[in-house]
Amino acid sequence: MKNMFGIAPASHYGGSWNKSALHTPSTDRSVVDICLYKKPFLSVVDGVTALTGAHLSGTPKKLNTILASLDPVALDARGSELLGHDPRSLEYLVLGERAGLGVITDYEAASYPP
């Protein structure tokens, strides 16, 4: 869902495009706001090699999977599970679900590939 940063025109950001401004006061709220402005129709995650840990300097993790969904919240929730996170602990997913952008689902029994 965060990859939607940049989809709105500069006027949406007060006249100029400053991506760093989206991280203040809350990246989580900004992600949801952008997705409410323009909900993704189809979301795709390249999970062949994921990056765990710190942004841009994490450790590569081979997942060998591609995810796609019409539900951006469910897609990010599943991706977070593959990286070992509890999706309900990620504020932007909880906020996105509350805002009606999608549903966090328990995929444990139905996920394929694992």
C-alpha atoms as a PDB file:
ATOM      1  CA  MET A   1       0.000   0.000   0.000  1.00  0.00           C
ATOM      2  CA  LYS A   2       2.900   2.357   0.693  1.00  0.00           C
ATOM      3  CA  ASN A   3       3.894   2.205  -2.965  1.00  0.00           C
ATOM      4  CA  MET A   4       0.851   4.371  -3.642  1.00  0.00           C
ATOM      5  CA  PHE A   5       2.900   7.350  -2.387  1.00  0.00           C
ATOM      6  CA  GLY A   6       3.219   9.615  -5.388  1.00  0.00           C
ATOM      7  CA  ILE A   7      -0.076   8.688  -7.052  1.00  0.00           C
ATOM      8  CA  ALA A   8      -1.790  11.939  -6.069  1.00  0.00           C
ATOM      9  CA  PRO A   9      -1.012  15.203  -7.880  1.00  0.00           C
ATOM     10  CA  ALA A  10       1.180  17.852  -6.212  1.00  0.00           C
ATOM     11  CA  SER A  11      -1.898  19.900  -5.277  1.00  0.00           C
ATOM     12  CA  HIS A  12      -2.932  17.086  -2.907  1.00  0.00           C
ATOM     13  CA  TYR A  13       0.263  17.747  -0.934  1.00  0.00           C
ATOM     14  CA  GLY A  14      -0.226  21.504  -0.642  1.00  0.00           C
ATOM     15  CA  GLY A  15       1.216  22.540  -4.006  1.00  0.00           C
ATOM     16  CA  SER A  16       4.539  20.730  -4.136  1.00  0.00           C
ATOM     17  CA  TRP A  17       5.654  17.135  -4.101  1.00  0.00           C
ATOM     18  CA  ASN A  18       7.722  16.333  -1.038  1.00  0.00           C
ATOM     19  CA  LYS A  19       7.584  12.609  -0.368  1.00  0.00           C
ATOM     20  CA  SER A  20       9.351  12.987   2.974  1.00  0.00           C
ATOM     21  CA  ALA A  21       6.385  15.040   4.229  1.00  0.00           C
ATOM     22  CA  LEU A  22       4.250  11.889   4.000  1.00  0.00           C
ATOM     23  CA  HIS A  23       6.248  10.369   6.843  1.00  0.00           C
ATOM     24  CA  THR A  24       5.151  13.120   9.263  1.00  0.00           C
ATOM     25  CA  PRO A  25       3.289  12.966  11.553  1.00  0.00           C
ATOM     26  CA  SER A  26       2.475   9.314  10.749  1.00  0.00           C
ATOM     27  CA  THR A  27       3.567   7.170   7.820  1.00  0.00           C
ATOM     28  CA  ASP A  28       0.809   4.713   8.741  1.00  0.00           C
ATOM     29  CA  ARG A  29      -1.926   7.349   8.448  1.00  0.00           C
ATOM     30  CA  SER A  30      -0.405   8.723   5.250  1.00  0.00           C
ATOM     31  CA  VAL A  31      -0.461   5.281   3.619  1.00  0.00           C
ATOM     32  CA  VAL A  32      -4.157   4.910   4.428  1.00  0.00           C
ATOM     33  CA  ASP A  33      -4.933   8.486   3.342  1.00  0.00           C
ATOM     34  CA  ILE A  34      -3.290   7.968  -0.062  1.00  0.00           C
ATOM     35  CA  CYS A  35      -5.141   4.680  -0.561  1.00  0.00           C
ATOM     36  CA  LEU A  36      -8.432   6.357   0.368  1.00  0.00           C
ATOM     37  CA  TYR A  37      -7.668   9.091  -2.174  1.00  0.00           C
ATOM     38  CA  LYS A  38      -7.190   6.442  -4.871  1.00  0.00           C
ATOM     39  CA  LYS A  39      -7.814   2.844  -3.815  1.00  0.00           C
ATOM     40  CA  PRO A  40      -5.561   0.392  -5.628  1.00  0.00           C
ATOM     41  CA  PHE A  41      -7.552  -1.706  -8.107  1.00  0.00           C
ATOM     42  CA  LEU A  42      -5.050  -4.550  -8.293  1.00  0.00           C
ATOM     43  CA  SER A  43      -2.114  -4.915  -5.930  1.00  0.00           C
ATOM     44  CA  VAL A  44       0.907  -7.045  -6.791  1.00  0.00           C
ATOM     45  CA  VAL A  45       3.872  -7.916  -4.575  1.00  0.00           C
ATOM     46  CA  ASP A  46       7.103  -9.289  -6.004  1.00  0.00           C
ATOM     47  CA  GLY A  47       8.076 -11.657  -3.215  1.00  0.00           C
ATOM     48  CA  VAL A  48      10.768 -13.556  -5.081  1.00  0.00           C
ATOM     49  CA  THR A  49      13.385 -11.910  -2.871  1.00  0.00           C
ATOM     50  CA  ALA A  50      12.181  -9.841   0.074  1.00  0.00           C
ATOM     51  CA  LEU A  51      14.185  -7.449   2.214  1.00  0.00           C
ATOM     52  CA  THR A  52      13.962  -8.017   5.962  1.00  0.00           C
ATOM     53  CA  GLY A  53      15.108  -5.622   8.647  1.00  0.00           C
ATOM     54  CA  ALA A  54      16.051  -2.024   7.932  1.00  0.00           C
ATOM     55  CA  HIS A  55      14.657  -0.205   4.914  1.00  0.00           C
ATOM     56  CA  LEU A  56      17.109  -0.305   1.958  1.00  0.00           C
ATOM     57  CA  SER A  57      19.807  -1.983   4.027  1.00  0.00           C
ATOM     58  CA  GLY A  58      18.073  -5.129   5.217  1.00  0.00           C
ATOM     59  CA  THR A  59      18.885  -8.763   4.656  1.00  0.00           C
ATOM     60  CA  PRO A  60      17.590 -10.459   1.486  1.00  0.00           C
ATOM     61  CA  LYS A  61      15.198 -13.368   2.093  1.00  0.00           C
ATOM     62  CA  LYS A  62      14.221 -15.748  -0.732  1.00  0.00           C
ATOM     63  CA  LEU A  63      10.453 -16.280  -0.715  1.00  0.00           C
ATOM     64  CA  ASN A  64      10.088 -17.305  -4.361  1.00  0.00           C
ATOM     65  CA  THR A  65       6.525 -16.063  -4.616  1.00  0.00           C
ATOM     66  CA  ILE A  66       4.401 -13.432  -6.320  1.00  0.00           C
ATOM     67  CA  LEU A  67       1.244 -12.217  -4.573  1.00  0.00           C
ATOM     68  CA  ALA A  68      -1.715 -10.463  -6.196  1.00  0.00           C
ATOM     69  CA  SER A  69      -5.079  -9.351  -4.851  1.00  0.00           C
ATOM     70  CA  LEU A  70      -7.943  -6.928  -5.360  1.00  0.00           C
ATOM     71  CA  ASP A  71      -7.752  -6.355  -1.566  1.00  0.00           C
ATOM     72  CA  PRO A  72      -4.655  -4.248  -0.746  1.00  0.00           C
ATOM     73  CA  VAL A  73      -4.995  -4.773   3.017  1.00  0.00           C
ATOM     74  CA  ALA A  74      -5.208  -8.559   2.707  1.00  0.00           C
ATOM     75  CA  LEU A  75      -2.271  -8.589   0.305  1.00  0.00           C
ATOM     76  CA  ASP A  76      -0.006  -6.566   2.593  1.00  0.00           C
ATOM     77  CA  ALA A  77      -1.191  -8.640   5.566  1.00  0.00           C
ATOM     78  CA  ARG A  78      -0.156 -11.863   3.827  1.00  0.00           C
ATOM     79  CA  GLY A  79       3.155 -10.341   2.778  1.00  0.00           C
ATOM     80  CA  SER A  80       3.842  -9.270   6.349  1.00  0.00           C
ATOM     81  CA  GLU A  81       3.122 -12.809   7.563  1.00  0.00           C
ATOM     82  CA  LEU A  82       5.632 -14.198   5.079  1.00  0.00           C
ATOM     83  CA  LEU A  83       8.207 -11.894   6.668  1.00  0.00           C
ATOM     84  CA  GLY A  84       7.311 -13.126  10.161  1.00  0.00           C
ATOM     85  CA  HIS A  85       5.125 -10.214  11.300  1.00  0.00           C
ATOM     86  CA  ASP A  86       1.700 -10.279  12.902  1.00  0.00           C
ATOM     87  CA  PRO A  87      -0.411  -8.150  10.526  1.00  0.00           C
ATOM     88  CA  ARG A  88      -2.628  -6.988  13.402  1.00  0.00           C
ATOM     89  CA  SER A  89       0.458  -5.369  14.975  1.00  0.00           C
ATOM     90  CA  LEU A  90       1.002  -3.148  11.905  1.00  0.00           C
ATOM     91  CA  GLU A  91      -0.844   0.127  12.406  1.00  0.00           C
ATOM     92  CA  TYR A  92      -1.385   0.929   8.717  1.00  0.00           C
ATOM     93  CA  LEU A  93      -3.089  -2.440   8.148  1.00  0.00           C
ATOM     94  CA  VAL A  94      -5.394  -1.982  11.151  1.00  0.00           C
ATOM     95  CA  LEU A  95      -6.181   1.600  10.050  1.00  0.00           C
ATOM     96  CA  GLY A  96      -6.731   0.452   6.456  1.00  0.00           C
ATOM     97  CA  GLU A  97      -9.147  -2.239   7.555  1.00  0.00           C
ATOM     98  CA  ARG A  98     -11.068   0.247   9.761  1.00  0.00           C
ATOM     99  CA  ALA A  99     -11.239   2.683   6.826  1.00  0.00           C
ATOM    100  CA  GLY A 100     -12.810   0.016   4.600  1.00  0.00           C
ATOM    101  CA  LEU A 101      -9.833  -0.530   2.279  1.00  0.00           C
ATOM    102  CA  GLY A 102      -9.825  -4.285   2.849  1.00  0.00           C
ATOM    103  CA  VAL A 103      -9.757  -7.024   5.456  1.00  0.00           C
ATOM    104  CA  ILE A 104      -6.910  -8.533   7.439  1.00  0.00           C
ATOM    105  CA  THR A 105      -7.480 -12.284   7.125  1.00  0.00           C
ATOM    106  CA  ASP A 106      -6.001 -15.377   8.726  1.00  0.00           C
ATOM    107  CA  TYR A 107      -4.324 -17.116   5.791  1.00  0.00           C
ATOM    108  CA  GLU A 108      -2.512 -19.806   7.780  1.00  0.00           C
ATOM    109  CA  ALA A 109      -4.840 -22.635   6.753  1.00  0.00           C
ATOM    110  CA  ALA A 110      -5.327 -21.544   3.148  1.00  0.00           C
ATOM    111  CA  SER A 111      -1.984 -20.116   2.029  1.00  0.00           C
ATOM    112  CA  TYR A 112      -0.317 -21.519  -1.036  1.00  0.00           C
ATOM    113  CA  PRO A 113       2.559 -21.527  -1.541  1.00  0.00           C
ATOM    114  CA  PRO A 114       3.642 -21.566   2.118  1.00  0.00           C
END
